[in-house]
Each structure stands twice: as C-alpha cells, then as structure tokens.
Amino acid sequence: MIGLIIEGANDERKILEVSRDYHLVLTHGTKFSNREIFKIEEALSLCTSVYILTDPDQSGNWLANRIREYFPNIPRIKVDPDKAKIRRPRGDKFGIEYMSHQSLKEILPIEKPLD
C-alpha cells in the first residue's frame, strides 16, 4: 500500500472519492509535532512507499519542507497550481480538495505489481 501525507480532512475526502487504496496521514494543516512524526514513521513501516501531497501554496510548501527536514527521502508529488485552484472574490485559493477527480488520478502514484 502507498502512503500519502496530506494536510487535512478535505484532502482526505477528495482522495477517498477517487480511491481507497492509500494509507493517509493527516497533518491537520501546518501542524507538525511529535504526533505527526510518529504517524509518518508508522506509514513508512506499513507502506511500500510514502509521498508528500500538500497544497501548491505557501502553507503547503512550508509543510512539505518541514516534513523533509525530518524525512529527506520522502518525495513530494508535484501539483499543478492551475489544476488545484478555485477562484474566490478575495483572490484565488489553492488546494488538493479543489482538484478534479481526473487531475487527481493523474498525479496519484500507483502500486507497481510484484514480478
């Protein structure tokens, strides 16, 4: 099983709409404490691979960089900001939860079959 480190419940809902084949680690926004470190370590022991999937915005970048301080070998999935954007009267907002199912499917890693 593949593990995904994500920011929150809205991201979780969106990913579960697309697939239930992932072990999800929620950080609850930019919160990053010993609890999150433990959950990531657990995912690393349970999963064949683990990826960072955070929003393509300042908070998502901060969180991804923070995670990689502790876990430098966990790759981050690149998210096209244009595919994760919603227009709002007070400015655009970016988030995994705003992506179309198709756009999300295109970036989610898939389990490679065993030979």
PDB file of N, CA and C in Angstrom:
ATOM      1  N   MET A   1       0.844  -1.179   0.000  1.00  0.00           N
ATOM      2  CA  MET A   1       0.000   0.000   0.000  1.00  0.00           C
ATOM      3  C   MET A   1       0.887   1.240   0.000  1.00  0.00           C
ATOM      4  N   ILE A   2       0.437   2.262  -0.671  1.00  0.00           N
ATOM      5  CA  ILE A   2       1.155   3.532  -0.746  1.00  0.00           C
ATOM      6  C   ILE A   2       0.605   4.479   0.318  1.00  0.00           C
ATOM      7  N   GLY A   3       1.492   5.207   0.959  1.00  0.00           N
ATOM      8  CA  GLY A   3       1.107   6.191   1.956  1.00  0.00           C
ATOM      9  C   GLY A   3       1.189   7.597   1.378  1.00  0.00           C
ATOM     10  N   LEU A   4       0.226   8.433   1.765  1.00  0.00           N
ATOM     11  CA  LEU A   4       0.206   9.842   1.363  1.00  0.00           C
ATOM     12  C   LEU A   4       0.113  10.705   2.599  1.00  0.00           C
ATOM     13  N   ILE A   5       1.020  11.663   2.726  1.00  0.00           N
ATOM     14  CA  ILE A   5       0.966  12.638   3.810  1.00  0.00           C
ATOM     15  C   ILE A   5       0.222  13.848   3.259  1.00  0.00           C
ATOM     16  N   ILE A   6      -0.926  14.135   3.860  1.00  0.00           N
ATOM     17  CA  ILE A   6      -1.789  15.212   3.365  1.00  0.00           C
ATOM     18  C   ILE A   6      -2.102  16.191   4.488  1.00  0.00           C
ATOM     19  N   GLU A   7      -2.657  17.349   4.102  1.00  0.00           N
ATOM     20  CA  GLU A   7      -2.871  18.398   5.086  1.00  0.00           C
ATOM     21  C   GLU A   7      -4.124  18.234   5.938  1.00  0.00           C
ATOM     22  N   GLY A   8      -5.240  17.807   5.348  1.00  0.00           N
ATOM     23  CA  GLY A   8      -6.429  17.816   6.174  1.00  0.00           C
ATOM     24  C   GLY A   8      -7.583  16.966   5.697  1.00  0.00           C
ATOM     25  N   ALA A   9      -8.697  17.108   6.404  1.00  0.00           N
ATOM     26  CA  ALA A   9      -9.885  16.288   6.176  1.00  0.00           C
ATOM     27  C   ALA A   9     -10.494  16.518   4.800  1.00  0.00           C
ATOM     28  N   ASN A  10     -10.440  17.732   4.282  1.00  0.00           N
ATOM     29  CA  ASN A  10     -10.987  17.986   2.944  1.00  0.00           C
ATOM     30  C   ASN A  10     -10.165  17.256   1.878  1.00  0.00           C
ATOM     31  N   ASP A  11      -8.857  17.235   2.051  1.00  0.00           N
ATOM     32  CA  ASP A  11      -7.990  16.478   1.139  1.00  0.00           C
ATOM     33  C   ASP A  11      -8.305  14.987   1.254  1.00  0.00           C
ATOM     34  N   GLU A  12      -8.485  14.526   2.471  1.00  0.00           N
ATOM     35  CA  GLU A  12      -8.807  13.114   2.700  1.00  0.00           C
ATOM     36  C   GLU A  12     -10.100  12.733   1.972  1.00  0.00           C
ATOM     37  N   ARG A  13     -11.138  13.545   2.128  1.00  0.00           N
ATOM     38  CA  ARG A  13     -12.415  13.269   1.456  1.00  0.00           C
ATOM     39  C   ARG A  13     -12.237  13.188  -0.054  1.00  0.00           C
ATOM     40  N   LYS A  14     -11.492  14.128  -0.614  1.00  0.00           N
ATOM     41  CA  LYS A  14     -11.288  14.168  -2.057  1.00  0.00           C
ATOM     42  C   LYS A  14     -10.556  12.918  -2.543  1.00  0.00           C
ATOM     43  N   ILE A  15      -9.492  12.543  -1.851  1.00  0.00           N
ATOM     44  CA  ILE A  15      -8.730  11.359  -2.252  1.00  0.00           C
ATOM     45  C   ILE A  15      -9.593  10.111  -2.131  1.00  0.00           C
ATOM     46  N   LEU A  16     -10.381   9.994  -1.069  1.00  0.00           N
ATOM     47  CA  LEU A  16     -11.239   8.823  -0.897  1.00  0.00           C
ATOM     48  C   LEU A  16     -12.330   8.744  -1.959  1.00  0.00           C
ATOM     49  N   GLU A  17     -12.719   9.876  -2.523  1.00  0.00           N
ATOM     50  CA  GLU A  17     -13.673   9.863  -3.635  1.00  0.00           C
ATOM     51  C   GLU A  17     -13.049   9.209  -4.873  1.00  0.00           C
ATOM     52  N   VAL A  18     -11.736   9.326  -5.001  1.00  0.00           N
ATOM     53  CA  VAL A  18     -11.011   8.809  -6.164  1.00  0.00           C
ATOM     54  C   VAL A  18     -10.541   7.372  -5.924  1.00  0.00           C
ATOM     55  N   SER A  19     -10.043   7.082  -4.728  1.00  0.00           N
ATOM     56  CA  SER A  19      -9.503   5.755  -4.442  1.00  0.00           C
ATOM     57  C   SER A  19      -9.400   5.543  -2.935  1.00  0.00           C
ATOM     58  N   ARG A  20      -9.612   4.312  -2.541  1.00  0.00           N
ATOM     59  CA  ARG A  20      -9.436   3.927  -1.132  1.00  0.00           C
ATOM     60  C   ARG A  20      -8.178   3.081  -0.956  1.00  0.00           C
ATOM     61  N   ASP A  21      -7.290   3.140  -1.929  1.00  0.00           N
ATOM     62  CA  ASP A  21      -6.091   2.301  -1.938  1.00  0.00           C
ATOM     63  C   ASP A  21      -4.870   2.964  -1.306  1.00  0.00           C
ATOM     64  N   TYR A  22      -5.076   3.971  -0.477  1.00  0.00           N
ATOM     65  CA  TYR A  22      -3.948   4.691   0.116  1.00  0.00           C
ATOM     66  C   TYR A  22      -4.053   4.709   1.630  1.00  0.00           C
ATOM     67  N   HIS A  23      -2.899   4.669   2.266  1.00  0.00           N
ATOM     68  CA  HIS A  23      -2.809   4.900   3.710  1.00  0.00           C
ATOM     69  C   HIS A  23      -2.591   6.403   3.861  1.00  0.00           C
ATOM     70  N   LEU A  24      -3.533   7.098   4.481  1.00  0.00           N
ATOM     71  CA  LEU A  24      -3.463   8.558   4.569  1.00  0.00           C
ATOM     72  C   LEU A  24      -2.990   9.003   5.939  1.00  0.00           C
ATOM     73  N   VAL A  25      -2.034   9.914   5.937  1.00  0.00           N
ATOM     74  CA  VAL A  25      -1.536  10.536   7.165  1.00  0.00           C
ATOM     75  C   VAL A  25      -1.928  12.004   7.099  1.00  0.00           C
ATOM     76  N   LEU A  26      -2.818  12.418   7.982  1.00  0.00           N
ATOM     77  CA  LEU A  26      -3.265  13.814   8.017  1.00  0.00           C
ATOM     78  C   LEU A  26      -2.419  14.602   8.999  1.00  0.00           C
ATOM     79  N   THR A  27      -1.992  15.781   8.581  1.00  0.00           N
ATOM     80  CA  THR A  27      -1.220  16.647   9.478  1.00  0.00           C
ATOM     81  C   THR A  27      -2.091  17.733  10.101  1.00  0.00           C
ATOM     82  N   HIS A  28      -3.329  17.838   9.669  1.00  0.00           N
ATOM     83  CA  HIS A  28      -4.258  18.858  10.175  1.00  0.00           C
ATOM     84  C   HIS A  28      -3.688  20.260   9.968  1.00  0.00           C
ATOM     85  N   GLY A  29      -3.473  20.568   8.707  1.00  0.00           N
ATOM     86  CA  GLY A  29      -2.916  21.869   8.336  1.00  0.00           C
ATOM     87  C   GLY A  29      -1.410  21.851   8.463  1.00  0.00           C
ATOM     88  N   THR A  30      -0.867  22.937   8.947  1.00  0.00           N
ATOM     89  CA  THR A  30       0.587  23.022   9.062  1.00  0.00           C
ATOM     90  C   THR A  30       1.086  22.537  10.417  1.00  0.00           C
ATOM     91  N   LYS A  31       0.207  21.924  11.177  1.00  0.00           N
ATOM     92  CA  LYS A  31       0.630  21.365  12.457  1.00  0.00           C
ATOM     93  C   LYS A  31       1.655  20.268  12.193  1.00  0.00           C
ATOM     94  N   PHE A  32       2.754  20.334  12.886  1.00  0.00           N
ATOM     95  CA  PHE A  32       3.780  19.307  12.715  1.00  0.00           C
ATOM     96  C   PHE A  32       4.494  19.126  14.044  1.00  0.00           C
ATOM     97  N   SER A  33       4.066  18.090  14.759  1.00  0.00           N
ATOM     98  CA  SER A  33       4.624  17.832  16.083  1.00  0.00           C
ATOM     99  C   SER A  33       5.090  16.384  16.149  1.00  0.00           C
ATOM    100  N   ASN A  34       5.439  15.942  17.339  1.00  0.00           N
ATOM    101  CA  ASN A  34       5.874  14.562  17.524  1.00  0.00           C
ATOM    102  C   ASN A  34       4.792  13.568  17.096  1.00  0.00           C
ATOM    103  N   ARG A  35       3.545  13.933  17.266  1.00  0.00           N
ATOM    104  CA  ARG A  35       2.443  13.045  16.860  1.00  0.00           C
ATOM    105  C   ARG A  35       2.481  12.786  15.350  1.00  0.00           C
ATOM    106  N   GLU A  36       2.675  13.839  14.570  1.00  0.00           N
ATOM    107  CA  GLU A  36       2.755  13.686  13.112  1.00  0.00           C
ATOM    108  C   GLU A  36       4.007  12.897  12.720  1.00  0.00           C
ATOM    109  N   ILE A  37       5.106  13.149  13.400  1.00  0.00           N
ATOM    110  CA  ILE A  37       6.338  12.400  13.133  1.00  0.00           C
ATOM    111  C   ILE A  37       6.098  10.910  13.370  1.00  0.00           C
ATOM    112  N   PHE A  38       5.434  10.573  14.461  1.00  0.00           N
ATOM    113  CA  PHE A  38       5.131   9.176  14.759  1.00  0.00           C
ATOM    114  C   PHE A  38       4.241   8.574  13.680  1.00  0.00           C
ATOM    115  N   LYS A  39       3.214   9.302  13.242  1.00  0.00           N
ATOM    116  CA  LYS A  39       2.309   8.785  12.210  1.00  0.00           C
ATOM    117  C   LYS A  39       3.041   8.563  10.883  1.00  0.00           C
ATOM    118  N   ILE A  40       3.990   9.441  10.561  1.00  0.00           N
ATOM    119  CA  ILE A  40       4.771   9.263   9.326  1.00  0.00           C
ATOM    120  C   ILE A  40       5.698   8.063   9.460  1.00  0.00           C
ATOM    121  N   GLU A  41       6.340   7.908  10.612  1.00  0.00           N
ATOM    122  CA  GLU A  41       7.197   6.741  10.840  1.00  0.00           C
ATOM    123  C   GLU A  41       6.384   5.448  10.724  1.00  0.00           C
ATOM    124  N   GLU A  42       5.171   5.471  11.249  1.00  0.00           N
ATOM    125  CA  GLU A  42       4.288   4.305  11.151  1.00  0.00           C
ATOM    126  C   GLU A  42       3.963   4.008   9.690  1.00  0.00           C
ATOM    127  N   ALA A  43       3.649   5.045   8.912  1.00  0.00           N
ATOM    128  CA  ALA A  43       3.350   4.860   7.486  1.00  0.00           C
ATOM    129  C   ALA A  43       4.567   4.286   6.762  1.00  0.00           C
ATOM    130  N   LEU A  44       5.752   4.758   7.100  1.00  0.00           N
ATOM    131  CA  LEU A  44       6.964   4.243   6.465  1.00  0.00           C
ATOM    132  C   LEU A  44       7.168   2.755   6.748  1.00  0.00           C
ATOM    133  N   SER A  45       6.741   2.307   7.916  1.00  0.00           N
ATOM    134  CA  SER A  45       6.903   0.885   8.242  1.00  0.00           C
ATOM    135  C   SER A  45       5.783   0.031   7.639  1.00  0.00           C
ATOM    136  N   LEU A  46       4.617   0.614   7.405  1.00  0.00           N
ATOM    137  CA  LEU A  46       3.469  -0.140   6.885  1.00  0.00           C
ATOM    138  C   LEU A  46       3.372  -0.149   5.357  1.00  0.00           C
ATOM    139  N   CYS A  47       3.884   0.886   4.725  1.00  0.00           N
ATOM    140  CA  CYS A  47       3.650   1.106   3.294  1.00  0.00           C
ATOM    141  C   CYS A  47       4.879   0.755   2.462  1.00  0.00           C
ATOM    142  N   THR A  48       4.619   0.398   1.204  1.00  0.00           N
ATOM    143  CA  THR A  48       5.724   0.131   0.282  1.00  0.00           C
ATOM    144  C   THR A  48       6.446   1.415  -0.097  1.00  0.00           C
ATOM    145  N   SER A  49       5.706   2.524  -0.129  1.00  0.00           N
ATOM    146  CA  SER A  49       6.294   3.844  -0.379  1.00  0.00           C
ATOM    147  C   SER A  49       5.371   4.908   0.204  1.00  0.00           C
ATOM    148  N   VAL A  50       5.954   6.056   0.501  1.00  0.00           N
ATOM    149  CA  VAL A  50       5.214   7.169   1.103  1.00  0.00           C
ATOM    150  C   VAL A  50       5.575   8.440   0.339  1.00  0.00           C
ATOM    151  N   TYR A  51       4.561   9.286   0.107  1.00  0.00           N
ATOM    152  CA  TYR A  51       4.738  10.540  -0.615  1.00  0.00           C
ATOM    153  C   TYR A  51       4.098  11.683   0.157  1.00  0.00           C
ATOM    154  N   ILE A  52       4.616  12.878  -0.076  1.00  0.00           N
ATOM    155  CA  ILE A  52       4.018  14.104   0.456  1.00  0.00           C
ATOM    156  C   ILE A  52       3.093  14.656  -0.628  1.00  0.00           C
ATOM    157  N   LEU A  53       1.844  14.933  -0.255  1.00  0.00           N
ATOM    158  CA  LEU A  53       0.881  15.518  -1.177  1.00  0.00           C
ATOM    159  C   LEU A  53       0.227  16.702  -0.485  1.00  0.00           C
ATOM    160  N   THR A  54       0.873  17.864  -0.614  1.00  0.00           N
ATOM    161  CA  THR A  54       0.360  19.070   0.024  1.00  0.00           C
ATOM    162  C   THR A  54      -0.081  20.074  -1.032  1.00  0.00           C
ATOM    163  N   ASP A  55      -0.859  21.049  -0.590  1.00  0.00           N
ATOM    164  CA  ASP A  55      -1.375  22.067  -1.496  1.00  0.00           C
ATOM    165  C   ASP A  55      -0.232  22.858  -2.127  1.00  0.00           C
ATOM    166  N   PRO A  56      -0.443  23.323  -3.362  1.00  0.00           N
ATOM    167  CA  PRO A  56       0.593  24.114  -4.038  1.00  0.00           C
ATOM    168  C   PRO A  56       0.506  25.590  -3.647  1.00  0.00           C
ATOM    169  N   ASP A  57       0.623  25.848  -2.359  1.00  0.00           N
ATOM    170  CA  ASP A  57       0.565  27.217  -1.852  1.00  0.00           C
ATOM    171  C   ASP A  57       1.641  27.392  -0.780  1.00  0.00           C
ATOM    172  N   GLN A  58       1.690  28.562  -0.186  1.00  0.00           N
ATOM    173  CA  GLN A  58       2.739  28.862   0.790  1.00  0.00           C
ATOM    174  C   GLN A  58       2.701  27.902   1.980  1.00  0.00           C
ATOM    175  N   SER A  59       1.511  27.632   2.506  1.00  0.00           N
ATOM    176  CA  SER A  59       1.394  26.723   3.652  1.00  0.00           C
ATOM    177  C   SER A  59       1.793  25.298   3.276  1.00  0.00           C
ATOM    178  N   GLY A  60       1.355  24.848   2.107  1.00  0.00           N
ATOM    179  CA  GLY A  60       1.706  23.511   1.650  1.00  0.00           C
ATOM    180  C   GLY A  60       3.200  23.367   1.427  1.00  0.00           C
ATOM    181  N   ASN A  61       3.822  24.402   0.883  1.00  0.00           N
ATOM    182  CA  ASN A  61       5.279  24.388   0.673  1.00  0.00           C
ATOM    183  C   ASN A  61       6.006  24.351   2.008  1.00  0.00           C
ATOM    184  N   TRP A  62       5.547  25.154   2.963  1.00  0.00           N
ATOM    185  CA  TRP A  62       6.163  25.173   4.287  1.00  0.00           C
ATOM    186  C   TRP A  62       6.090  23.788   4.924  1.00  0.00           C
ATOM    187  N   LEU A  63       4.896  23.190   4.879  1.00  0.00           N
ATOM    188  CA  LEU A  63       4.716  21.880   5.500  1.00  0.00           C
ATOM    189  C   LEU A  63       5.584  20.824   4.816  1.00  0.00           C
ATOM    190  N   ALA A  64       5.604  20.807   3.498  1.00  0.00           N
ATOM    191  CA  ALA A  64       6.422  19.835   2.772  1.00  0.00           C
ATOM    192  C   ALA A  64       7.900  19.988   3.152  1.00  0.00           C
ATOM    193  N   ASN A  65       8.379  21.218   3.229  1.00  0.00           N
ATOM    194  CA  ASN A  65       9.777  21.451   3.615  1.00  0.00           C
ATOM    195  C   ASN A  65      10.040  20.995   5.044  1.00  0.00           C
ATOM    196  N   ARG A  66       9.093  21.228   5.926  1.00  0.00           N
ATOM    197  CA  ARG A  66       9.236  20.812   7.335  1.00  0.00           C
ATOM    198  C   ARG A  66       9.310  19.287   7.431  1.00  0.00           C
ATOM    199  N   ILE A  67       8.423  18.607   6.714  1.00  0.00           N
ATOM    200  CA  ILE A  67       8.430  17.141   6.717  1.00  0.00           C
ATOM    201  C   ILE A  67       9.775  16.632   6.203  1.00  0.00           C
ATOM    202  N   ARG A  68      10.268  17.253   5.147  1.00  0.00           N
ATOM    203  CA  ARG A  68      11.519  16.782   4.540  1.00  0.00           C
ATOM    204  C   ARG A  68      12.750  17.092   5.403  1.00  0.00           C
ATOM    205  N   GLU A  69      12.616  17.992   6.374  1.00  0.00           N
ATOM    206  CA  GLU A  69      13.703  18.181   7.339  1.00  0.00           C
ATOM    207  C   GLU A  69      13.907  16.905   8.152  1.00  0.00           C
ATOM    208  N   TYR A  70      12.811  16.241   8.486  1.00  0.00           N
ATOM    209  CA  TYR A  70      12.854  15.011   9.279  1.00  0.00           C
ATOM    210  C   TYR A  70      12.968  13.764   8.412  1.00  0.00           C
ATOM    211  N   PHE A  71      12.369  13.827   7.237  1.00  0.00           N
ATOM    212  CA  PHE A  71      12.314  12.667   6.346  1.00  0.00           C
ATOM    213  C   PHE A  71      12.750  13.100   4.939  1.00  0.00           C
ATOM    214  N   PRO A  72      14.046  13.320   4.742  1.00  0.00           N
ATOM    215  CA  PRO A  72      14.519  13.883   3.467  1.00  0.00           C
ATOM    216  C   PRO A  72      14.304  12.978   2.256  1.00  0.00           C
ATOM    217  N   ASN A  73      14.063  11.701   2.476  1.00  0.00           N
ATOM    218  CA  ASN A  73      13.900  10.781   1.350  1.00  0.00           C
ATOM    219  C   ASN A  73      12.456  10.618   0.898  1.00  0.00           C
ATOM    220  N   ILE A  74      11.523  11.282   1.557  1.00  0.00           N
ATOM    221  CA  ILE A  74      10.127  11.180   1.125  1.00  0.00           C
ATOM    222  C   ILE A  74       9.907  12.199   0.008  1.00  0.00           C
ATOM    223  N   PRO A  75       9.551  11.717  -1.176  1.00  0.00           N
ATOM    224  CA  PRO A  75       9.330  12.645  -2.296  1.00  0.00           C
ATOM    225  C   PRO A  75       7.989  13.371  -2.174  1.00  0.00           C
ATOM    226  N   ARG A  76       7.955  14.539  -2.764  1.00  0.00           N
ATOM    227  CA  ARG A  76       6.718  15.323  -2.819  1.00  0.00           C
ATOM    228  C   ARG A  76       6.121  15.194  -4.218  1.00  0.00           C
ATOM    229  N   ILE A  77       4.838  14.941  -4.261  1.00  0.00           N
ATOM    230  CA  ILE A  77       4.123  14.882  -5.536  1.00  0.00           C
ATOM    231  C   ILE A  77       3.886  16.306  -6.012  1.00  0.00           C
ATOM    232  N   LYS A  78       4.298  16.592  -7.236  1.00  0.00           N
ATOM    233  CA  LYS A  78       4.118  17.926  -7.806  1.00  0.00           C
ATOM    234  C   LYS A  78       2.655  18.117  -8.194  1.00  0.00           C
ATOM    235  N   VAL A  79       2.093  19.228  -7.741  1.00  0.00           N
ATOM    236  CA  VAL A  79       0.705  19.575  -8.041  1.00  0.00           C
ATOM    237  C   VAL A  79       0.694  20.851  -8.864  1.00  0.00           C
ATOM    238  N   ASP A  80       0.062  20.794 -10.020  1.00  0.00           N
ATOM    239  CA  ASP A  80      -0.083  21.972 -10.876  1.00  0.00           C
ATOM    240  C   ASP A  80      -1.047  22.940 -10.194  1.00  0.00           C
ATOM    241  N   PRO A  81      -0.580  24.138  -9.822  1.00  0.00           N
ATOM    242  CA  PRO A  81      -1.465  25.094  -9.140  1.00  0.00           C
ATOM    243  C   PRO A  81      -2.735  25.409  -9.930  1.00  0.00           C
ATOM    244  N   ASP A  82      -2.637  25.433 -11.256  1.00  0.00           N
ATOM    245  CA  ASP A  82      -3.824  25.728 -12.065  1.00  0.00           C
ATOM    246  C   ASP A  82      -4.887  24.642 -11.950  1.00  0.00           C
ATOM    247  N   LYS A  83      -4.480  23.416 -11.641  1.00  0.00           N
ATOM    248  CA  LYS A  83      -5.442  22.319 -11.508  1.00  0.00           C
ATOM    249  C   LYS A  83      -5.958  22.179 -10.075  1.00  0.00           C
ATOM    250  N   ALA A  84      -5.404  22.964  -9.171  1.00  0.00           N
ATOM    251  CA  ALA A  84      -5.808  22.906  -7.763  1.00  0.00           C
ATOM    252  C   ALA A  84      -6.312  24.266  -7.280  1.00  0.00           C
ATOM    253  N   LYS A  85      -6.827  25.049  -8.217  1.00  0.00           N
ATOM    254  CA  LYS A  85      -7.200  26.433  -7.911  1.00  0.00           C
ATOM    255  C   LYS A  85      -8.720  26.607  -7.974  1.00  0.00           C
ATOM    256  N   ILE A  86      -9.202  27.425  -7.065  1.00  0.00           N
ATOM    257  CA  ILE A  86     -10.588  27.864  -7.116  1.00  0.00           C
ATOM    258  C   ILE A  86     -10.575  29.390  -7.039  1.00  0.00           C
ATOM    259  N   ARG A  87     -11.374  29.989  -7.876  1.00  0.00           N
ATOM    260  CA  ARG A  87     -11.430  31.461  -7.880  1.00  0.00           C
ATOM    261  C   ARG A  87     -12.409  31.936  -6.819  1.00  0.00           C
ATOM    262  N   ARG A  88     -11.962  32.891  -6.045  1.00  0.00           N
ATOM    263  CA  ARG A  88     -12.774  33.485  -4.979  1.00  0.00           C
ATOM    264  C   ARG A  88     -12.769  34.994  -5.162  1.00  0.00           C
ATOM    265  N   PRO A  89     -13.813  35.673  -4.702  1.00  0.00           N
ATOM    266  CA  PRO A  89     -13.852  37.142  -4.847  1.00  0.00           C
ATOM    267  C   PRO A  89     -12.645  37.845  -4.218  1.00  0.00           C
ATOM    268  N   ARG A  90     -12.114  37.270  -3.137  1.00  0.00           N
ATOM    269  CA  ARG A  90     -10.963  37.896  -2.468  1.00  0.00           C
ATOM    270  C   ARG A  90      -9.638  37.291  -2.899  1.00  0.00           C
ATOM    271  N   GLY A  91      -9.634  36.579  -4.018  1.00  0.00           N
ATOM    272  CA  GLY A  91      -8.390  36.001  -4.529  1.00  0.00           C
ATOM    273  C   GLY A  91      -8.478  34.497  -4.670  1.00  0.00           C
ATOM    274  N   ASP A  92      -7.635  33.976  -5.502  1.00  0.00           N
ATOM    275  CA  ASP A  92      -7.621  32.536  -5.754  1.00  0.00           C
ATOM    276  C   ASP A  92      -7.169  31.781  -4.511  1.00  0.00           C
ATOM    277  N   LYS A  93      -7.687  30.562  -4.384  1.00  0.00           N
ATOM    278  CA  LYS A  93      -7.300  29.679  -3.299  1.00  0.00           C
ATOM    279  C   LYS A  93      -6.876  28.361  -3.922  1.00  0.00           C
ATOM    280  N   PHE A  94      -5.874  27.724  -3.320  1.00  0.00           N
ATOM    281  CA  PHE A  94      -5.313  26.500  -3.869  1.00  0.00           C
ATOM    282  C   PHE A  94      -5.484  25.361  -2.882  1.00  0.00           C
ATOM    283  N   GLY A  95      -5.822  24.181  -3.405  1.00  0.00           N
ATOM    284  CA  GLY A  95      -5.957  23.031  -2.526  1.00  0.00           C
ATOM    285  C   GLY A  95      -6.196  21.747  -3.287  1.00  0.00           C
ATOM    286  N   ILE A  96      -5.710  20.668  -2.713  1.00  0.00           N
ATOM    287  CA  ILE A  96      -5.950  19.340  -3.272  1.00  0.00           C
ATOM    288  C   ILE A  96      -7.456  19.108  -3.390  1.00  0.00           C
ATOM    289  N   GLU A  97      -8.216  19.603  -2.425  1.00  0.00           N
ATOM    290  CA  GLU A  97      -9.666  19.375  -2.412  1.00  0.00           C
ATOM    291  C   GLU A  97     -10.398  20.045  -3.573  1.00  0.00           C
ATOM    292  N   TYR A  98      -9.738  20.969  -4.265  1.00  0.00           N
ATOM    293  CA  TYR A  98     -10.363  21.653  -5.404  1.00  0.00           C
ATOM    294  C   TYR A  98     -10.053  20.979  -6.742  1.00  0.00           C
ATOM    295  N   MET A  99      -9.221  19.961  -6.727  1.00  0.00           N
ATOM    296  CA  MET A  99      -8.832  19.299  -7.970  1.00  0.00           C
ATOM    297  C   MET A  99      -9.976  18.431  -8.497  1.00  0.00           C
ATOM    298  N   SER A 100     -10.032  18.305  -9.809  1.00  0.00           N
ATOM    299  CA  SER A 100     -10.999  17.388 -10.401  1.00  0.00           C
ATOM    300  C   SER A 100     -10.533  15.957 -10.116  1.00  0.00           C
ATOM    301  N   HIS A 101     -11.465  15.024 -10.184  1.00  0.00           N
ATOM    302  CA  HIS A 101     -11.094  13.626  -9.983  1.00  0.00           C
ATOM    303  C   HIS A 101     -10.045  13.199 -11.001  1.00  0.00           C
ATOM    304  N   GLN A 102     -10.227  13.615 -12.241  1.00  0.00           N
ATOM    305  CA  GLN A 102      -9.282  13.232 -13.296  1.00  0.00           C
ATOM    306  C   GLN A 102      -7.886  13.789 -13.021  1.00  0.00           C
ATOM    307  N   SER A 103      -7.806  15.061 -12.645  1.00  0.00           N
ATOM    308  CA  SER A 103      -6.495  15.669 -12.353  1.00  0.00           C
ATOM    309  C   SER A 103      -5.814  14.976 -11.178  1.00  0.00           C
ATOM    310  N   LEU A 104      -6.588  14.616 -10.184  1.00  0.00           N
ATOM    311  CA  LEU A 104      -6.028  13.937  -9.024  1.00  0.00           C
ATOM    312  C   LEU A 104      -5.543  12.538  -9.407  1.00  0.00           C
ATOM    313  N   LYS A 105      -6.328  11.817 -10.195  1.00  0.00           N
ATOM    314  CA  LYS A 105      -5.921  10.486 -10.643  1.00  0.00           C
ATOM    315  C   LYS A 105      -4.611  10.538 -11.425  1.00  0.00           C
ATOM    316  N   GLU A 106      -4.414  11.612 -12.166  1.00  0.00           N
ATOM    317  CA  GLU A 106      -3.201  11.739 -12.978  1.00  0.00           C
ATOM    318  C   GLU A 106      -1.926  11.874 -12.153  1.00  0.00           C
ATOM    319  N   ILE A 107      -2.033  12.390 -10.937  1.00  0.00           N
ATOM    320  CA  ILE A 107      -0.824  12.599 -10.131  1.00  0.00           C
ATOM    321  C   ILE A 107      -0.636  11.569  -9.015  1.00  0.00           C
ATOM    322  N   LEU A 108      -1.705  10.841  -8.666  1.00  0.00           N
ATOM    323  CA  LEU A 108      -1.569   9.870  -7.590  1.00  0.00           C
ATOM    324  C   LEU A 108      -0.694   8.699  -8.034  1.00  0.00           C
ATOM    325  N   PRO A 109       0.249   8.311  -7.171  1.00  0.00           N
ATOM    326  CA  PRO A 109       1.100   7.175  -7.520  1.00  0.00           C
ATOM    327  C   PRO A 109       0.296   5.881  -7.449  1.00  0.00           C
ATOM    328  N   ILE A 110       0.680   4.906  -8.252  1.00  0.00           N
ATOM    329  CA  ILE A 110       0.001   3.612  -8.225  1.00  0.00           C
ATOM    330  C   ILE A 110       0.984   2.543  -7.783  1.00  0.00           C
ATOM    331  N   GLU A 111       0.436   1.535  -7.154  1.00  0.00           N
ATOM    332  CA  GLU A 111       1.250   0.407  -6.686  1.00  0.00           C
ATOM    333  C   GLU A 111       1.733  -0.385  -7.881  1.00  0.00           C
ATOM    334  N   LYS A 112       3.019  -0.646  -7.931  1.00  0.00           N
ATOM    335  CA  LYS A 112       3.574  -1.449  -9.012  1.00  0.00           C
ATOM    336  C   LYS A 112       3.362  -2.925  -8.683  1.00  0.00           C
ATOM    337  N   PRO A 113       2.899  -3.704  -9.650  1.00  0.00           N
ATOM    338  CA  PRO A 113       2.692  -5.128  -9.386  1.00  0.00           C
ATOM    339  C   PRO A 113       4.017  -5.837  -9.119  1.00  0.00           C
ATOM    340  N   LEU A 114       3.963  -6.843  -8.266  1.00  0.00           N
ATOM    341  CA  LEU A 114       5.160  -7.629  -7.970  1.00  0.00           C
ATOM    342  C   LEU A 114       5.456  -8.548  -9.149  1.00  0.00           C
ATOM    343  N   ASP A 115       6.708  -8.690  -9.486  1.00  0.00           N
ATOM    344  CA  ASP A 115       7.095  -9.589 -10.591  1.00  0.00           C
ATOM    345  C   ASP A 115       7.174 -11.016 -10.128  1.00  0.00           C
TER     346      ASP A 115
END
